[in-house]
Amino acid sequence: MKVVIPGGTGQVGAVLDRALTAAGHEVVILTRRPVREREVYWDGESTGPWTQEIDGSDVVINLAGRSVSCRYTPANLRAMMDSRVRSTQAVGRAIEDAARPPRLWLQMSTATVYAHRHDAAHDEATGVIGGAEPGVPGYWGYSVEIAKAWEQAQQQADTPHTRKVALRSAMVMSPDRGGVFDVMSWMVRLGLGGPVAGGAQYVSWIHEDDFVRAVQFLVDRDDISGPVNLAAPAPLPHRAFMRALRAAWRIPVGLPATKGMAELGAFVLRSDTELLLKSRRVVPGRLLDAGFTFDRGEWADAARDLVERRRRRQGPVVDADSRPVRSGLR
């Protein structure tokens, strides 16, 4: 296949690029800063010569959008909204205008679209869309509005010959530097990998191998369209999540953090506490119903595998040059 990945230079794009290229597919990355072979310039907003890559391609996987690993200032929230909606609209126009449109458009979305809750898990059929939960910061609702507008931009595109799937993805865990697993591992190795604000909030995640396999599964299944949760079937509370990660790194102790300490840490890392404090209890209902099976469905096993891969691939985490400041969180 020919696969075009707008916004494919981040962590998730690197995971897909490696896997799809290794499988023998032709992969083209659309980026504002092309520096390598197979990277093509686009501005993420307007049509241009890059649309030639989409015309005649088989699959488009749009990952474009400003990183959520930043301070959630009004300006940054607006940039998140604009970058996601405008890039999705641009991809939609390119597919609409294509003489030979791709058969599948996979559009990145986010599990953040669901409500903050502890009592029940969200699947695609019964999950509660967030934005009106009591007792949470008001700007969390804007994050939900971003997710809804992101998906709506894909839905509104007039692409009758192209199947559309919105990937409501949890955090993709890979051993790459700068990814969310790297950030969490860095904290664990510093002895700071304890529960945050009590640790009752749920963490949803997906191992990079299962993420790739789920994408390949959706490519092959012509009967699936609309929103699909990409998350391991066993989300778990933050305290248990971090306990398993500490065990994988063989770090016996992790200092807990209060909400105020988390705020300070997020400020230092130029991130936001929503990424830590919102309870994302998301399960992959449609994937499981369609017969997809997870190779790394339990976090303890997934964490051990990722730690081993990290050790083999890149050596120790904590050194003078490895402190991460951007996580690619979703």
Protein backbone atom coordinates (compact mmCIF):
# COMPACT_ATOMS: atom_id res chain seq x y z
CA MET A 1 0.00 0.00 0.00
CA LYS A 2 0.86 3.65 -0.24
CA VAL A 3 0.17 5.26 3.16
CA VAL A 4 0.25 9.03 3.67
CA ILE A 5 0.69 10.30 7.25
CA PRO A 6 0.07 14.03 7.73
CA GLY A 7 1.75 15.18 10.92
CA GLY A 8 3.75 11.97 11.08
CA THR A 9 6.98 13.30 12.61
CA GLY A 10 5.95 12.83 16.25
CA GLN A 11 6.07 9.77 18.48
CA VAL A 12 2.98 8.04 17.09
CA GLY A 13 4.02 8.81 13.52
CA ALA A 14 7.44 7.29 14.16
CA VAL A 15 5.83 4.12 15.53
CA LEU A 16 3.61 3.76 12.46
CA ASP A 17 6.35 4.71 10.00
CA ARG A 18 8.71 2.06 11.37
CA ALA A 19 6.11 -0.68 11.34
CA LEU A 20 4.53 0.08 7.98
CA THR A 21 7.87 0.57 6.23
CA ALA A 22 9.19 -2.68 7.71
CA ALA A 23 6.07 -4.43 6.36
CA GLY A 24 6.94 -3.27 2.84
CA HIS A 25 4.49 -0.40 2.44
CA GLU A 26 5.35 2.98 0.89
CA VAL A 27 5.01 5.64 3.58
CA VAL A 28 4.96 9.39 2.91
CA ILE A 29 5.08 11.89 5.78
CA LEU A 30 3.53 15.35 5.41
CA THR A 31 5.32 17.87 7.61
CA ARG A 32 6.06 21.58 7.90
CA ARG A 33 9.79 20.81 8.14
CA PRO A 34 10.74 18.05 5.69
CA VAL A 35 14.34 16.95 6.17
CA ARG A 36 14.40 13.30 5.16
CA GLU A 37 13.52 11.21 2.15
CA ARG A 38 9.77 10.46 2.00
CA GLU A 39 8.91 13.71 3.81
CA VAL A 40 6.84 16.25 1.86
CA TYR A 41 6.06 19.84 2.81
CA TRP A 42 2.61 21.01 3.77
CA ASP A 43 1.44 23.88 5.97
CA GLY A 44 -1.34 21.95 7.71
CA GLU A 45 -4.01 24.39 6.54
CA SER A 46 -4.19 24.89 2.80
CA THR A 47 -4.05 22.65 -0.25
CA GLY A 48 -0.94 22.59 -2.39
CA PRO A 49 1.42 20.23 -4.22
CA TRP A 50 1.25 17.80 -1.27
CA THR A 51 -2.25 16.78 -2.34
CA GLN A 52 -0.63 14.80 -5.17
CA GLU A 53 0.56 12.34 -2.53
CA ILE A 54 -3.00 11.67 -1.37
CA ASP A 55 -4.38 11.28 -4.90
CA GLY A 56 -3.82 7.61 -5.69
CA SER A 57 -2.82 6.58 -2.18
CA ASP A 58 -4.49 3.68 -0.37
CA VAL A 59 -4.68 4.94 3.22
CA VAL A 60 -4.35 8.34 4.91
CA ILE A 61 -3.58 8.45 8.63
CA ASN A 62 -3.90 12.04 9.83
CA LEU A 63 -2.00 12.68 13.07
CA ALA A 64 -1.58 16.45 12.70
CA GLY A 65 -2.18 18.76 15.63
CA ARG A 66 -0.30 20.81 18.20
CA SER A 67 1.12 18.71 21.02
CA VAL A 68 -1.02 18.62 24.17
CA SER A 69 2.14 18.52 26.27
CA CYS A 70 2.09 22.22 27.05
CA ARG A 71 0.61 24.69 29.49
CA TYR A 72 -3.14 24.93 28.86
CA THR A 73 -3.20 28.68 28.39
CA PRO A 74 -6.03 30.19 26.31
CA ALA A 75 -3.58 30.73 23.46
CA ASN A 76 -2.32 27.14 23.55
CA LEU A 77 -5.83 25.70 23.77
CA ARG A 78 -6.85 27.77 20.74
CA ALA A 79 -3.75 26.57 18.88
CA MET A 80 -4.69 22.96 19.69
CA MET A 81 -8.19 23.54 18.33
CA ASP A 82 -7.12 25.39 15.19
CA SER A 83 -4.28 23.03 14.27
CA ARG A 84 -6.49 19.96 14.58
CA VAL A 85 -9.55 21.30 12.82
CA ARG A 86 -7.73 23.11 10.00
CA SER A 87 -5.40 20.22 9.20
CA THR A 88 -8.33 17.79 9.16
CA GLN A 89 -10.28 20.09 6.86
CA ALA A 90 -7.26 20.32 4.55
CA VAL A 91 -6.97 16.55 4.38
CA GLY A 92 -10.69 16.33 3.68
CA ARG A 93 -10.43 18.79 0.79
CA ALA A 94 -7.50 16.84 -0.68
CA ILE A 95 -9.50 13.61 -0.57
CA GLU A 96 -12.59 15.32 -2.02
CA ASP A 97 -10.55 16.64 -4.96
CA ALA A 98 -8.61 13.42 -5.63
CA ALA A 99 -9.18 11.67 -8.93
CA ARG A 100 -8.36 8.41 -7.16
CA PRO A 101 -9.22 8.96 -3.49
CA PRO A 102 -7.82 6.66 -0.80
CA ARG A 103 -10.10 3.87 0.33
CA LEU A 104 -9.55 4.65 4.02
CA TRP A 105 -9.01 7.78 6.11
CA LEU A 106 -7.90 7.11 9.67
CA GLN A 107 -8.19 10.32 11.67
CA MET A 108 -6.46 10.67 15.02
CA SER A 109 -8.76 11.64 17.85
CA THR A 110 -8.40 11.17 21.60
CA ALA A 111 -9.82 9.29 24.57
CA THR A 112 -10.03 12.69 26.27
CA VAL A 113 -13.41 13.11 24.55
CA TYR A 114 -14.95 10.97 27.31
CA ALA A 115 -16.03 12.25 30.71
CA HIS A 116 -13.87 12.18 33.82
CA ARG A 117 -15.22 9.23 35.82
CA HIS A 118 -14.16 6.37 38.10
CA ASP A 119 -17.28 4.24 38.40
CA ALA A 120 -17.60 2.75 34.91
CA ALA A 121 -15.60 2.37 31.71
CA HIS A 122 -16.34 4.16 28.47
CA ASP A 123 -16.84 2.16 25.30
CA GLU A 124 -18.06 3.62 22.01
CA ALA A 125 -21.68 2.57 22.54
CA THR A 126 -22.29 3.56 26.16
CA GLY A 127 -19.45 5.95 26.96
CA VAL A 128 -20.35 9.41 28.19
CA ILE A 129 -18.91 12.35 26.27
CA GLY A 130 -17.33 14.82 28.67
CA GLY A 131 -17.65 18.53 29.14
CA ALA A 132 -20.36 18.77 31.79
CA GLU A 133 -18.85 16.89 34.74
CA PRO A 134 -19.23 18.60 38.12
CA GLY A 135 -16.21 19.39 40.24
CA VAL A 136 -13.54 19.53 37.51
CA PRO A 137 -11.68 22.57 36.14
CA GLY A 138 -13.71 24.43 33.55
CA TYR A 139 -11.01 24.31 30.90
CA TRP A 140 -11.22 20.49 30.86
CA GLY A 141 -14.47 21.01 28.98
CA TYR A 142 -12.59 22.90 26.28
CA SER A 143 -10.35 19.86 25.76
CA VAL A 144 -13.51 17.86 25.07
CA GLU A 145 -14.70 20.54 22.64
CA ILE A 146 -11.39 20.23 20.79
CA ALA A 147 -11.87 16.47 20.47
CA LYS A 148 -15.46 16.85 19.28
CA ALA A 149 -14.53 19.51 16.71
CA TRP A 150 -11.63 17.33 15.51
CA GLU A 151 -13.95 14.41 14.79
CA GLN A 152 -16.64 16.65 13.33
CA ALA A 153 -14.19 18.08 10.80
CA GLN A 154 -13.64 14.57 9.47
CA GLN A 155 -17.33 13.71 9.50
CA GLN A 156 -18.24 16.83 7.51
CA ALA A 157 -15.80 16.09 4.69
CA ASP A 158 -17.62 14.96 1.53
CA THR A 159 -15.68 11.76 0.77
CA PRO A 160 -18.21 9.16 -0.39
CA HIS A 161 -15.55 6.81 -1.77
CA THR A 162 -13.38 6.88 1.34
CA ARG A 163 -14.22 5.04 4.55
CA LYS A 164 -13.60 7.20 7.62
CA VAL A 165 -12.54 6.06 11.11
CA ALA A 166 -11.82 8.32 14.09
CA LEU A 167 -9.12 6.86 16.34
CA ARG A 168 -10.04 7.70 19.94
CA SER A 169 -6.59 6.80 21.12
CA ALA A 170 -5.31 6.43 24.65
CA MET A 171 -1.65 7.13 25.40
CA VAL A 172 0.56 5.16 23.01
CA MET A 173 3.38 3.56 24.96
CA SER A 174 6.67 3.12 23.12
CA PRO A 175 10.30 3.12 24.31
CA ASP A 176 11.17 6.15 22.16
CA ARG A 177 12.79 9.15 23.79
CA GLY A 178 10.41 12.03 24.37
CA GLY A 179 7.28 9.87 24.47
CA VAL A 180 4.92 9.52 27.41
CA PHE A 181 6.56 6.26 28.53
CA ASP A 182 9.89 8.07 28.56
CA VAL A 183 8.48 10.87 30.73
CA MET A 184 6.94 8.44 33.22
CA SER A 185 10.08 6.31 33.31
CA TRP A 186 12.20 9.37 33.94
CA MET A 187 10.04 10.20 36.96
CA VAL A 188 10.26 6.62 38.25
CA ARG A 189 14.02 6.53 37.91
CA LEU A 190 14.24 9.73 39.94
CA GLY A 191 12.17 8.16 42.72
CA LEU A 192 9.13 10.31 41.93
CA GLY A 193 6.91 7.60 40.45
CA GLY A 194 4.31 7.41 43.20
CA PRO A 195 0.57 8.09 43.00
CA VAL A 196 -0.53 11.63 42.18
CA ALA A 197 -3.42 13.19 44.12
CA GLY A 198 -4.24 9.82 45.68
CA GLY A 199 -3.94 7.86 42.45
CA ALA A 200 -7.61 6.88 42.08
CA GLN A 201 -7.89 8.37 38.58
CA TYR A 202 -7.82 5.78 35.81
CA VAL A 203 -5.09 5.56 33.19
CA SER A 204 -5.87 4.29 29.70
CA TRP A 205 -2.99 3.25 27.49
CA ILE A 206 -2.03 1.06 24.53
CA HIS A 207 1.26 -0.66 23.74
CA GLU A 208 2.85 0.46 20.47
CA ASP A 209 2.64 -3.05 18.98
CA ASP A 210 -1.09 -3.30 19.65
CA PHE A 211 -1.60 0.22 18.31
CA VAL A 212 0.03 -0.77 15.03
CA ARG A 213 -1.87 -4.06 14.91
CA ALA A 214 -5.15 -2.23 15.56
CA VAL A 215 -4.43 0.17 12.71
CA GLN A 216 -3.67 -2.74 10.40
CA PHE A 217 -6.86 -4.46 11.60
CA LEU A 218 -8.93 -1.37 10.72
CA VAL A 219 -7.28 -1.18 7.31
CA ASP A 220 -8.34 -4.75 6.59
CA ARG A 221 -11.88 -4.50 7.98
CA ASP A 222 -14.02 -2.72 5.40
CA ASP A 223 -17.08 -2.94 7.68
CA ILE A 224 -15.80 -0.61 10.43
CA SER A 225 -16.25 3.15 10.30
CA GLY A 226 -16.85 5.97 12.78
CA PRO A 227 -15.20 6.30 16.20
CA VAL A 228 -13.06 3.43 17.51
CA ASN A 229 -11.36 3.35 20.92
CA LEU A 230 -7.69 2.43 20.67
CA ALA A 231 -6.93 1.46 24.24
CA ALA A 232 -5.88 -1.69 26.07
CA PRO A 233 -8.85 -3.53 27.60
CA ALA A 234 -7.60 -3.16 31.18
CA PRO A 235 -7.26 0.48 32.26
CA LEU A 236 -6.21 0.77 35.88
CA PRO A 237 -5.95 3.38 38.62
CA HIS A 238 -2.90 5.60 38.53
CA ARG A 239 -1.52 4.18 41.78
CA ALA A 240 -1.56 0.63 40.35
CA PHE A 241 -0.26 1.85 36.98
CA MET A 242 2.77 3.49 38.58
CA ARG A 243 3.35 0.53 40.91
CA ALA A 244 3.65 -1.77 37.89
CA LEU A 245 5.95 0.67 36.12
CA ARG A 246 8.21 0.88 39.18
CA ALA A 247 8.31 -2.92 39.34
CA ALA A 248 9.32 -3.09 35.67
CA TRP A 249 12.23 -0.72 36.37
CA ARG A 250 12.98 -2.48 39.68
CA ILE A 251 12.54 0.73 41.62
CA PRO A 252 10.93 -0.17 44.96
CA VAL A 253 9.77 3.26 46.07
CA GLY A 254 8.03 6.17 44.41
CA LEU A 255 7.26 9.32 46.33
CA PRO A 256 3.59 10.31 46.15
CA ALA A 257 2.57 13.77 45.03
CA THR A 258 -0.29 15.97 46.14
CA LYS A 259 -2.35 17.90 43.65
CA GLY A 260 -0.36 21.02 44.49
CA MET A 261 2.93 19.22 43.90
CA ALA A 262 1.59 17.97 40.58
CA GLU A 263 0.75 21.55 39.60
CA LEU A 264 4.31 22.62 40.39
CA GLY A 265 5.80 19.70 38.47
CA ALA A 266 3.59 20.37 35.46
CA PHE A 267 4.69 24.00 35.48
CA VAL A 268 8.36 22.98 35.50
CA LEU A 269 7.79 20.52 32.63
CA ARG A 270 5.65 23.05 30.75
CA SER A 271 2.75 20.64 30.79
CA ASP A 272 -0.70 20.53 32.42
CA THR A 273 -2.20 18.51 35.25
CA GLU A 274 -5.23 17.45 33.19
CA LEU A 275 -2.92 14.88 31.63
CA LEU A 276 -2.37 13.39 35.11
CA LEU A 277 -5.59 14.07 37.00
CA LYS A 278 -8.38 13.36 34.52
CA SER A 279 -9.68 9.82 34.97
CA ARG A 280 -9.65 8.19 31.53
CA ARG A 281 -11.31 4.81 31.93
CA VAL A 282 -11.67 3.76 28.29
CA VAL A 283 -12.12 0.27 26.82
CA PRO A 284 -11.98 -0.91 23.18
CA GLY A 285 -15.54 -2.15 22.73
CA ARG A 286 -15.68 -2.09 18.95
CA LEU A 287 -12.27 -3.69 18.46
CA LEU A 288 -13.09 -6.53 20.83
CA ASP A 289 -16.52 -7.05 19.28
CA ALA A 290 -14.89 -7.27 15.85
CA GLY A 291 -12.53 -10.02 17.03
CA PHE A 292 -9.33 -8.06 17.65
CA THR A 293 -7.04 -9.57 20.28
CA PHE A 294 -4.38 -7.71 22.23
CA ASP A 295 -0.86 -9.09 22.51
CA ARG A 296 -0.06 -6.71 25.39
CA GLY A 297 -3.37 -6.22 27.13
CA GLU A 298 -2.12 -6.11 30.73
CA TRP A 299 -0.03 -3.17 31.86
CA ALA A 300 2.45 -5.12 34.02
CA ASP A 301 3.43 -7.26 31.04
CA ALA A 302 3.48 -4.30 28.66
CA ALA A 303 5.64 -2.26 31.04
CA ARG A 304 8.20 -5.05 31.39
CA ASP A 305 8.42 -5.38 27.61
CA LEU A 306 8.84 -1.63 27.11
CA VAL A 307 11.52 -1.37 29.78
CA GLU A 308 13.47 -4.22 28.19
CA ARG A 309 13.17 -2.63 24.75
CA ARG A 310 14.31 0.69 26.13
CA ARG A 311 17.35 -0.87 27.73
CA ARG A 312 18.29 -2.67 24.52
CA ARG A 313 17.63 0.26 22.22
CA GLN A 314 18.87 3.34 24.02
CA GLY A 315 20.50 2.48 27.31
CA PRO A 316 19.87 4.30 30.61
CA VAL A 317 17.12 6.90 30.75
CA VAL A 318 18.55 9.44 33.15
CA ASP A 319 21.55 11.35 31.87
CA ALA A 320 22.43 14.94 31.17
CA ASP A 321 20.83 14.92 27.74
CA SER A 322 17.72 12.81 28.26
CA ARG A 323 15.41 14.98 30.36
CA PRO A 324 12.20 15.08 28.34
CA VAL A 325 10.18 18.25 27.87
CA ARG A 326 7.65 17.06 25.29
CA SER A 327 5.75 13.85 25.76
CA GLY A 328 3.38 13.46 22.81
CA LEU A 329 0.56 12.79 25.29
CA ARG A 330 -2.91 12.15 23.96
